[in-house]
């Protein structure tokens, strides 16, 4: 069953954000993950500010493996400098 990771992002440093975004895809590939969407929210109801990313993983174990991987963990300090992010995983119903 697919699991979707959704990130809501407010960029603090555009140059660092660009560097982070360039490096993340290499951390996703070993886990069979696919970026489905990168974009800016368009408010319909409530707040939709900032950017959003949606990544599909084959299963929950892949999400946990990616997030705990040395490759992704090494990017977290850069991410924290680049943006404020809320990241959550959702199982397909």
PDB file of N, CA and C in Angstrom:
ATOM      1  N   UNK A   1       0.843  -1.169   0.000  1.00  0.00           N
ATOM      2  CA  UNK A   1       0.000   0.000   0.000  1.00  0.00           C
ATOM      3  C   UNK A   1       0.895   1.242   0.000  1.00  0.00           C
ATOM      4  N   UNK A   2       0.651   2.160  -0.915  1.00  0.00           N
ATOM      5  CA  UNK A   2       1.461   3.375  -1.007  1.00  0.00           C
ATOM      6  C   UNK A   2       1.294   4.250   0.225  1.00  0.00           C
ATOM      7  N   UNK A   3       2.374   4.953   0.544  1.00  0.00           N
ATOM      8  CA  UNK A   3       2.373   5.935   1.618  1.00  0.00           C
ATOM      9  C   UNK A   3       2.869   7.243   1.016  1.00  0.00           C
ATOM     10  N   UNK A   4       2.198   8.338   1.363  1.00  0.00           N
ATOM     11  CA  UNK A   4       2.525   9.645   0.824  1.00  0.00           C
ATOM     12  C   UNK A   4       3.102  10.516   1.932  1.00  0.00           C
ATOM     13  N   UNK A   5       4.253  11.109   1.664  1.00  0.00           N
ATOM     14  CA  UNK A   5       4.842  12.069   2.583  1.00  0.00           C
ATOM     15  C   UNK A   5       4.532  13.449   2.027  1.00  0.00           C
ATOM     16  N   UNK A   6       3.921  14.284   2.873  1.00  0.00           N
ATOM     17  CA  UNK A   6       3.549  15.629   2.472  1.00  0.00           C
ATOM     18  C   UNK A   6       4.304  16.603   3.358  1.00  0.00           C
ATOM     19  N   UNK A   7       4.989  17.514   2.700  1.00  0.00           N
ATOM     20  CA  UNK A   7       5.732  18.538   3.420  1.00  0.00           C
ATOM     21  C   UNK A   7       5.163  19.909   3.111  1.00  0.00           C
ATOM     22  N   UNK A   8       4.922  20.679   4.163  1.00  0.00           N
ATOM     23  CA  UNK A   8       4.542  22.096   4.015  1.00  0.00           C
ATOM     24  C   UNK A   8       5.758  22.908   4.392  1.00  0.00           C
ATOM     25  N   UNK A   9       6.150  23.820   3.529  1.00  0.00           N
ATOM     26  CA  UNK A   9       7.452  24.463   3.624  1.00  0.00           C
ATOM     27  C   UNK A   9       7.320  25.980   3.572  1.00  0.00           C
ATOM     28  N   UNK A  10       8.054  26.641   4.468  1.00  0.00           N
ATOM     29  CA  UNK A  10       8.226  28.090   4.403  1.00  0.00           C
ATOM     30  C   UNK A  10       9.726  28.331   4.286  1.00  0.00           C
ATOM     31  N   UNK A  11      10.149  28.827   3.136  1.00  0.00           N
ATOM     32  CA  UNK A  11      11.567  29.022   2.850  1.00  0.00           C
ATOM     33  C   UNK A  11      12.096  30.225   3.623  1.00  0.00           C
ATOM     34  N   UNK A  12      13.249  30.018   4.277  1.00  0.00           N
ATOM     35  CA  UNK A  12      13.932  31.088   5.019  1.00  0.00           C
ATOM     36  C   UNK A  12      15.156  31.595   4.271  1.00  0.00           C
ATOM     37  N   UNK A  13      15.822  30.721   3.523  1.00  0.00           N
ATOM     38  CA  UNK A  13      17.048  31.060   2.804  1.00  0.00           C
ATOM     39  C   UNK A  13      16.981  30.383   1.436  1.00  0.00           C
ATOM     40  N   UNK A  14      16.743  31.167   0.397  1.00  0.00           N
ATOM     41  CA  UNK A  14      16.513  30.614  -0.935  1.00  0.00           C
ATOM     42  C   UNK A  14      17.718  29.832  -1.464  1.00  0.00           C
ATOM     43  N   UNK A  15      18.920  30.305  -1.233  1.00  0.00           N
ATOM     44  CA  UNK A  15      20.107  29.611  -1.738  1.00  0.00           C
ATOM     45  C   UNK A  15      20.278  28.256  -1.054  1.00  0.00           C
ATOM     46  N   UNK A  16      20.088  28.221   0.263  1.00  0.00           N
ATOM     47  CA  UNK A  16      20.201  26.956   0.989  1.00  0.00           C
ATOM     48  C   UNK A  16      19.065  26.016   0.622  1.00  0.00           C
ATOM     49  N   UNK A  17      17.882  26.568   0.398  1.00  0.00           N
ATOM     50  CA  UNK A  17      16.741  25.754  -0.021  1.00  0.00           C
ATOM     51  C   UNK A  17      17.028  25.102  -1.376  1.00  0.00           C
ATOM     52  N   UNK A  18      17.600  25.845  -2.303  1.00  0.00           N
ATOM     53  CA  UNK A  18      17.940  25.298  -3.609  1.00  0.00           C
ATOM     54  C   UNK A  18      18.962  24.163  -3.469  1.00  0.00           C
ATOM     55  N   UNK A  19      19.947  24.341  -2.608  1.00  0.00           N
ATOM     56  CA  UNK A  19      20.947  23.302  -2.382  1.00  0.00           C
ATOM     57  C   UNK A  19      20.310  22.052  -1.791  1.00  0.00           C
ATOM     58  N   UNK A  20      19.448  22.219  -0.812  1.00  0.00           N
ATOM     59  CA  UNK A  20      18.750  21.089  -0.193  1.00  0.00           C
ATOM     60  C   UNK A  20      17.917  20.338  -1.233  1.00  0.00           C
ATOM     61  N   UNK A  21      17.136  21.075  -2.012  1.00  0.00           N
ATOM     62  CA  UNK A  21      16.274  20.454  -3.030  1.00  0.00           C
ATOM     63  C   UNK A  21      17.069  19.677  -4.062  1.00  0.00           C
ATOM     64  N   UNK A  22      18.255  20.148  -4.399  1.00  0.00           N
ATOM     65  CA  UNK A  22      19.099  19.449  -5.367  1.00  0.00           C
ATOM     66  C   UNK A  22      19.600  18.117  -4.817  1.00  0.00           C
ATOM     67  N   UNK A  23      19.794  18.034  -3.509  1.00  0.00           N
ATOM     68  CA  UNK A  23      20.389  16.848  -2.899  1.00  0.00           C
ATOM     69  C   UNK A  23      19.379  15.782  -2.476  1.00  0.00           C
ATOM     70  N   UNK A  24      18.151  16.175  -2.232  1.00  0.00           N
ATOM     71  CA  UNK A  24      17.156  15.229  -1.726  1.00  0.00           C
ATOM     72  C   UNK A  24      16.853  14.070  -2.676  1.00  0.00           C
ATOM     73  N   UNK A  25      16.705  14.284  -3.994  1.00  0.00           N
ATOM     74  CA  UNK A  25      16.348  13.157  -4.863  1.00  0.00           C
ATOM     75  C   UNK A  25      17.265  11.943  -4.737  1.00  0.00           C
ATOM     76  N   UNK A  26      18.548  12.156  -4.532  1.00  0.00           N
ATOM     77  CA  UNK A  26      19.472  11.019  -4.380  1.00  0.00           C
ATOM     78  C   UNK A  26      19.162  10.214  -3.121  1.00  0.00           C
ATOM     79  N   UNK A  27      18.570  10.856  -2.108  1.00  0.00           N
ATOM     80  CA  UNK A  27      18.215  10.126  -0.885  1.00  0.00           C
ATOM     81  C   UNK A  27      16.925   9.335  -1.060  1.00  0.00           C
ATOM     82  N   UNK A  28      16.094   9.718  -2.020  1.00  0.00           N
ATOM     83  CA  UNK A  28      14.805   9.058  -2.251  1.00  0.00           C
ATOM     84  C   UNK A  28      14.939   7.787  -3.082  1.00  0.00           C
ATOM     85  N   UNK A  29      15.833   7.819  -4.056  1.00  0.00           N
ATOM     86  CA  UNK A  29      15.931   6.726  -5.030  1.00  0.00           C
ATOM     87  C   UNK A  29      16.078   5.342  -4.416  1.00  0.00           C
ATOM     88  N   UNK A  30      16.942   5.146  -3.410  1.00  0.00           N
ATOM     89  CA  UNK A  30      17.091   3.791  -2.854  1.00  0.00           C
ATOM     90  C   UNK A  30      15.822   3.239  -2.210  1.00  0.00           C
ATOM     91  N   UNK A  31      14.859   4.100  -1.936  1.00  0.00           N
ATOM     92  CA  UNK A  31      13.641   3.685  -1.231  1.00  0.00           C
ATOM     93  C   UNK A  31      12.443   3.578  -2.164  1.00  0.00           C
ATOM     94  N   UNK A  32      12.667   3.720  -3.462  1.00  0.00           N
ATOM     95  CA  UNK A  32      11.572   3.591  -4.425  1.00  0.00           C
ATOM     96  C   UNK A  32      10.593   4.730  -4.371  1.00  0.00           C
ATOM     97  N   UNK A  33      11.036   5.892  -3.885  1.00  0.00           N
ATOM     98  CA  UNK A  33      10.155   7.046  -3.732  1.00  0.00           C
ATOM     99  C   UNK A  33      10.106   7.866  -5.015  1.00  0.00           C
ATOM    100  N   UNK A  34       8.972   8.530  -5.213  1.00  0.00           N
ATOM    101  CA  UNK A  34       8.747   9.347  -6.398  1.00  0.00           C
ATOM    102  C   UNK A  34       8.122  10.674  -5.982  1.00  0.00           C
ATOM    103  N   UNK A  35       8.741  11.784  -6.391  1.00  0.00           N
ATOM    104  CA  UNK A  35       8.162  13.101  -6.131  1.00  0.00           C
ATOM    105  C   UNK A  35       6.988  13.276  -7.088  1.00  0.00           C
ATOM    106  N   UNK A  36       5.803  13.482  -6.521  1.00  0.00           N
ATOM    107  CA  UNK A  36       4.598  13.655  -7.335  1.00  0.00           C
ATOM    108  C   UNK A  36       4.276  15.114  -7.576  1.00  0.00           C
ATOM    109  N   UNK A  37       4.633  15.972  -6.614  1.00  0.00           N
ATOM    110  CA  UNK A  37       4.240  17.376  -6.711  1.00  0.00           C
ATOM    111  C   UNK A  37       5.200  18.241  -5.922  1.00  0.00           C
ATOM    112  N   UNK A  38       5.606  19.328  -6.517  1.00  0.00           N
ATOM    113  CA  UNK A  38       6.271  20.436  -5.829  1.00  0.00           C
ATOM    114  C   UNK A  38       5.548  21.682  -6.298  1.00  0.00           C
ATOM    115  N   UNK A  39       5.086  22.486  -5.368  1.00  0.00           N
ATOM    116  CA  UNK A  39       4.380  23.688  -5.798  1.00  0.00           C
ATOM    117  C   UNK A  39       4.026  24.599  -4.653  1.00  0.00           C
ATOM    118  N   UNK A  40       3.340  25.666  -4.990  1.00  0.00           N
ATOM    119  CA  UNK A  40       2.894  26.669  -4.035  1.00  0.00           C
ATOM    120  C   UNK A  40       1.397  26.499  -3.824  1.00  0.00           C
ATOM    121  N   UNK A  41       0.973  26.607  -2.563  1.00  0.00           N
ATOM    122  CA  UNK A  41      -0.437  26.450  -2.229  1.00  0.00           C
ATOM    123  C   UNK A  41      -1.294  27.588  -2.748  1.00  0.00           C
ATOM    124  N   UNK A  42      -2.487  27.246  -3.209  1.00  0.00           N
ATOM    125  CA  UNK A  42      -3.492  28.221  -3.634  1.00  0.00           C
ATOM    126  C   UNK A  42      -4.658  28.117  -2.661  1.00  0.00           C
ATOM    127  N   UNK A  43      -4.872  29.135  -1.827  1.00  0.00           N
ATOM    128  CA  UNK A  43      -5.891  29.012  -0.788  1.00  0.00           C
ATOM    129  C   UNK A  43      -7.307  28.868  -1.347  1.00  0.00           C
ATOM    130  N   UNK A  44      -7.995  27.853  -0.856  1.00  0.00           N
ATOM    131  CA  UNK A  44      -9.411  27.664  -1.142  1.00  0.00           C
ATOM    132  C   UNK A  44     -10.214  27.804   0.143  1.00  0.00           C
ATOM    133  N   UNK A  45      -9.655  27.278   1.233  1.00  0.00           N
ATOM    134  CA  UNK A  45     -10.288  27.353   2.540  1.00  0.00           C
ATOM    135  C   UNK A  45      -9.177  27.316   3.570  1.00  0.00           C
ATOM    136  N   UNK A  46      -9.089  28.299   4.416  1.00  0.00           N
ATOM    137  CA  UNK A  46      -8.035  28.348   5.421  1.00  0.00           C
ATOM    138  C   UNK A  46      -6.720  28.799   4.804  1.00  0.00           C
ATOM    139  N   UNK A  47      -5.617  28.484   5.497  1.00  0.00           N
ATOM    140  CA  UNK A  47      -4.299  28.902   5.041  1.00  0.00           C
ATOM    141  C   UNK A  47      -3.688  27.877   4.095  1.00  0.00           C
ATOM    142  N   UNK A  48      -3.091  28.356   3.041  1.00  0.00           N
ATOM    143  CA  UNK A  48      -2.384  27.479   2.102  1.00  0.00           C
ATOM    144  C   UNK A  48      -1.078  28.135   1.689  1.00  0.00           C
ATOM    145  N   UNK A  49      -0.499  28.920   2.585  1.00  0.00           N
ATOM    146  CA  UNK A  49       0.727  29.625   2.262  1.00  0.00           C
ATOM    147  C   UNK A  49       1.922  28.697   2.169  1.00  0.00           C
ATOM    148  N   UNK A  50       2.972  29.199   1.564  1.00  0.00           N
ATOM    149  CA  UNK A  50       4.201  28.441   1.454  1.00  0.00           C
ATOM    150  C   UNK A  50       4.160  27.415   0.337  1.00  0.00           C
ATOM    151  N   UNK A  51       5.175  26.573   0.319  1.00  0.00           N
ATOM    152  CA  UNK A  51       5.324  25.544  -0.698  1.00  0.00           C
ATOM    153  C   UNK A  51       4.860  24.206  -0.144  1.00  0.00           C
ATOM    154  N   UNK A  52       4.638  23.264  -1.054  1.00  0.00           N
ATOM    155  CA  UNK A  52       4.261  21.919  -0.662  1.00  0.00           C
ATOM    156  C   UNK A  52       5.018  20.928  -1.535  1.00  0.00           C
ATOM    157  N   UNK A  53       5.315  19.775  -0.949  1.00  0.00           N
ATOM    158  CA  UNK A  53       5.894  18.667  -1.698  1.00  0.00           C
ATOM    159  C   UNK A  53       5.140  17.407  -1.313  1.00  0.00           C
ATOM    160  N   UNK A  54       4.879  16.559  -2.307  1.00  0.00           N
ATOM    161  CA  UNK A  54       4.221  15.267  -2.080  1.00  0.00           C
ATOM    162  C   UNK A  54       5.104  14.197  -2.701  1.00  0.00           C
ATOM    163  N   UNK A  55       5.495  13.207  -1.876  1.00  0.00           N
ATOM    164  CA  UNK A  55       6.359  12.121  -2.321  1.00  0.00           C
ATOM    165  C   UNK A  55       5.663  10.801  -2.024  1.00  0.00           C
ATOM    166  N   UNK A  56       5.590   9.929  -3.035  1.00  0.00           N
ATOM    167  CA  UNK A  56       4.962   8.613  -2.855  1.00  0.00           C
ATOM    168  C   UNK A  56       6.044   7.569  -2.614  1.00  0.00           C
ATOM    169  N   UNK A  57       5.821   6.738  -1.594  1.00  0.00           N
ATOM    170  CA  UNK A  57       6.695   5.619  -1.244  1.00  0.00           C
ATOM    171  C   UNK A  57       5.907   4.334  -1.412  1.00  0.00           C
ATOM    172  N   UNK A  58       6.586   3.226  -1.656  1.00  0.00           N
ATOM    173  CA  UNK A  58       5.857   1.966  -1.832  1.00  0.00           C
ATOM    174  C   UNK A  58       5.184   1.461  -0.559  1.00  0.00           C
ATOM    175  N   UNK A  59       5.729   1.822   0.611  1.00  0.00           N
ATOM    176  CA  UNK A  59       5.154   1.339   1.869  1.00  0.00           C
ATOM    177  C   UNK A  59       5.730   2.135   3.041  1.00  0.00           C
ATOM    178  N   UNK A  60       5.176   1.912   4.218  1.00  0.00           N
ATOM    179  CA  UNK A  60       5.602   2.646   5.420  1.00  0.00           C
ATOM    180  C   UNK A  60       7.046   2.339   5.802  1.00  0.00           C
ATOM    181  N   UNK A  61       7.481   1.107   5.580  1.00  0.00           N
ATOM    182  CA  UNK A  61       8.868   0.749   5.908  1.00  0.00           C
ATOM    183  C   UNK A  61       9.848   1.569   5.075  1.00  0.00           C
ATOM    184  N   UNK A  62       9.492   1.838   3.838  1.00  0.00           N
ATOM    185  CA  UNK A  62      10.351   2.660   2.983  1.00  0.00           C
ATOM    186  C   UNK A  62      10.431   4.096   3.485  1.00  0.00           C
ATOM    187  N   UNK A  63       9.314   4.624   3.958  1.00  0.00           N
ATOM    188  CA  UNK A  63       9.309   5.983   4.515  1.00  0.00           C
ATOM    189  C   UNK A  63      10.226   6.049   5.737  1.00  0.00           C
ATOM    190  N   UNK A  64      10.054   5.089   6.632  1.00  0.00           N
ATOM    191  CA  UNK A  64      10.884   5.076   7.846  1.00  0.00           C
ATOM    192  C   UNK A  64      12.359   4.892   7.505  1.00  0.00           C
ATOM    193  N   UNK A  65      12.637   4.009   6.547  1.00  0.00           N
ATOM    194  CA  UNK A  65      14.021   3.783   6.131  1.00  0.00           C
ATOM    195  C   UNK A  65      14.651   5.019   5.539  1.00  0.00           C
ATOM    196  N   UNK A  66      13.919   5.701   4.665  1.00  0.00           N
ATOM    197  CA  UNK A  66      14.425   6.941   4.061  1.00  0.00           C
ATOM    198  C   UNK A  66      14.708   7.981   5.133  1.00  0.00           C
ATOM    199  N   UNK A  67      13.721   8.211   6.002  1.00  0.00           N
ATOM    200  CA  UNK A  67      13.872   9.273   6.996  1.00  0.00           C
ATOM    201  C   UNK A  67      15.021   8.999   7.955  1.00  0.00           C
ATOM    202  N   UNK A  68      15.267   7.748   8.280  1.00  0.00           N
ATOM    203  CA  UNK A  68      16.343   7.384   9.204  1.00  0.00           C
ATOM    204  C   UNK A  68      17.694   7.192   8.509  1.00  0.00           C
ATOM    205  N   UNK A  69      17.708   7.199   7.176  1.00  0.00           N
ATOM    206  CA  UNK A  69      18.939   6.916   6.443  1.00  0.00           C
ATOM    207  C   UNK A  69      20.018   7.963   6.721  1.00  0.00           C
ATOM    208  N   UNK A  70      21.256   7.510   6.673  1.00  0.00           N
ATOM    209  CA  UNK A  70      22.391   8.425   6.873  1.00  0.00           C
ATOM    210  C   UNK A  70      22.390   9.524   5.820  1.00  0.00           C
ATOM    211  N   UNK A  71      22.005   9.186   4.586  1.00  0.00           N
ATOM    212  CA  UNK A  71      21.998  10.176   3.505  1.00  0.00           C
ATOM    213  C   UNK A  71      21.024  11.314   3.797  1.00  0.00           C
ATOM    214  N   UNK A  72      19.800  10.969   4.267  1.00  0.00           N
ATOM    215  CA  UNK A  72      18.835  12.038   4.558  1.00  0.00           C
ATOM    216  C   UNK A  72      19.177  12.746   5.862  1.00  0.00           C
ATOM    217  N   UNK A  73      19.573  12.019   6.869  1.00  0.00           N
ATOM    218  CA  UNK A  73      19.923  12.642   8.149  1.00  0.00           C
ATOM    219  C   UNK A  73      21.027  13.683   7.973  1.00  0.00           C
ATOM    220  N   UNK A  74      21.956  13.442   7.043  1.00  0.00           N
ATOM    221  CA  UNK A  74      23.036  14.394   6.785  1.00  0.00           C
ATOM    222  C   UNK A  74      22.517  15.718   6.224  1.00  0.00           C
ATOM    223  N   UNK A  75      21.330  15.702   5.603  1.00  0.00           N
ATOM    224  CA  UNK A  75      20.758  16.924   5.022  1.00  0.00           C
ATOM    225  C   UNK A  75      19.917  17.730   6.004  1.00  0.00           C
ATOM    226  N   UNK A  76      19.587  17.164   7.139  1.00  0.00           N
ATOM    227  CA  UNK A  76      18.693  17.848   8.071  1.00  0.00           C
ATOM    228  C   UNK A  76      19.245  19.191   8.552  1.00  0.00           C
ATOM    229  N   UNK A  77      20.525  19.321   8.902  1.00  0.00           N
ATOM    230  CA  UNK A  77      21.012  20.655   9.302  1.00  0.00           C
ATOM    231  C   UNK A  77      20.823  21.703   8.195  1.00  0.00           C
ATOM    232  N   UNK A  78      21.066  21.325   6.944  1.00  0.00           N
ATOM    233  CA  UNK A  78      20.851  22.252   5.835  1.00  0.00           C
ATOM    234  C   UNK A  78      19.374  22.596   5.711  1.00  0.00           C
ATOM    235  N   UNK A  79      18.502  21.591   5.829  1.00  0.00           N
ATOM    236  CA  UNK A  79      17.055  21.832   5.754  1.00  0.00           C
ATOM    237  C   UNK A  79      16.610  22.812   6.825  1.00  0.00           C
ATOM    238  N   UNK A  80      17.112  22.633   8.039  1.00  0.00           N
ATOM    239  CA  UNK A  80      16.711  23.507   9.142  1.00  0.00           C
ATOM    240  C   UNK A  80      17.166  24.946   8.932  1.00  0.00           C
ATOM    241  N   UNK A  81      18.292  25.134   8.255  1.00  0.00           N
ATOM    242  CA  UNK A  81      18.748  26.481   7.925  1.00  0.00           C
ATOM    243  C   UNK A  81      17.947  27.060   6.766  1.00  0.00           C
ATOM    244  N   UNK A  82      17.514  26.208   5.856  1.00  0.00           N
ATOM    245  CA  UNK A  82      16.857  26.639   4.627  1.00  0.00           C
ATOM    246  C   UNK A  82      15.383  26.971   4.794  1.00  0.00           C
ATOM    247  N   UNK A  83      14.696  26.241   5.691  1.00  0.00           N
ATOM    248  CA  UNK A  83      13.244  26.391   5.748  1.00  0.00           C
ATOM    249  C   UNK A  83      12.678  25.950   7.089  1.00  0.00           C
ATOM    250  N   UNK A  84      11.427  26.309   7.282  1.00  0.00           N
ATOM    251  CA  UNK A  84      10.606  25.709   8.336  1.00  0.00           C
ATOM    252  C   UNK A  84       9.712  24.708   7.612  1.00  0.00           C
ATOM    253  N   UNK A  85       9.657  23.469   8.118  1.00  0.00           N
ATOM    254  CA  UNK A  85       8.917  22.422   7.421  1.00  0.00           C
ATOM    255  C   UNK A  85       8.089  21.599   8.395  1.00  0.00           C
ATOM    256  N   UNK A  86       6.893  21.267   7.961  1.00  0.00           N
ATOM    257  CA  UNK A  86       6.058  20.282   8.634  1.00  0.00           C
ATOM    258  C   UNK A  86       6.002  19.097   7.683  1.00  0.00           C
ATOM    259  N   UNK A  87       6.365  17.917   8.180  1.00  0.00           N
ATOM    260  CA  UNK A  87       6.459  16.718   7.349  1.00  0.00           C
ATOM    261  C   UNK A  87       5.611  15.629   7.996  1.00  0.00           C
ATOM    262  N   UNK A  88       4.720  15.025   7.202  1.00  0.00           N
ATOM    263  CA  UNK A  88       3.858  13.960   7.723  1.00  0.00           C
ATOM    264  C   UNK A  88       3.666  12.891   6.649  1.00  0.00           C
ATOM    265  N   UNK A  89       3.455  11.660   7.100  1.00  0.00           N
ATOM    266  CA  UNK A  89       3.220  10.543   6.185  1.00  0.00           C
ATOM    267  C   UNK A  89       1.763  10.096   6.320  1.00  0.00           C
ATOM    268  N   UNK A  90       1.172   9.735   5.172  1.00  0.00           N
ATOM    269  CA  UNK A  90      -0.215   9.315   5.125  1.00  0.00           C
ATOM    270  C   UNK A  90      -0.321   8.021   4.329  1.00  0.00           C
ATOM    271  N   UNK A  91      -0.954   7.018   4.923  1.00  0.00           N
ATOM    272  CA  UNK A  91      -1.174   5.764   4.206  1.00  0.00           C
ATOM    273  C   UNK A  91      -2.380   5.913   3.285  1.00  0.00           C
ATOM    274  N   UNK A  92      -2.256   5.288   2.137  1.00  0.00           N
ATOM    275  CA  UNK A  92      -3.352   5.298   1.177  1.00  0.00           C
ATOM    276  C   UNK A  92      -4.513   4.485   1.733  1.00  0.00           C
ATOM    277  N   UNK A  93      -5.699   5.030   1.629  1.00  0.00           N
ATOM    278  CA  UNK A  93      -6.881   4.341   2.157  1.00  0.00           C
ATOM    279  C   UNK A  93      -7.495   3.438   1.104  1.00  0.00           C
TER     280      UNK A  93
END
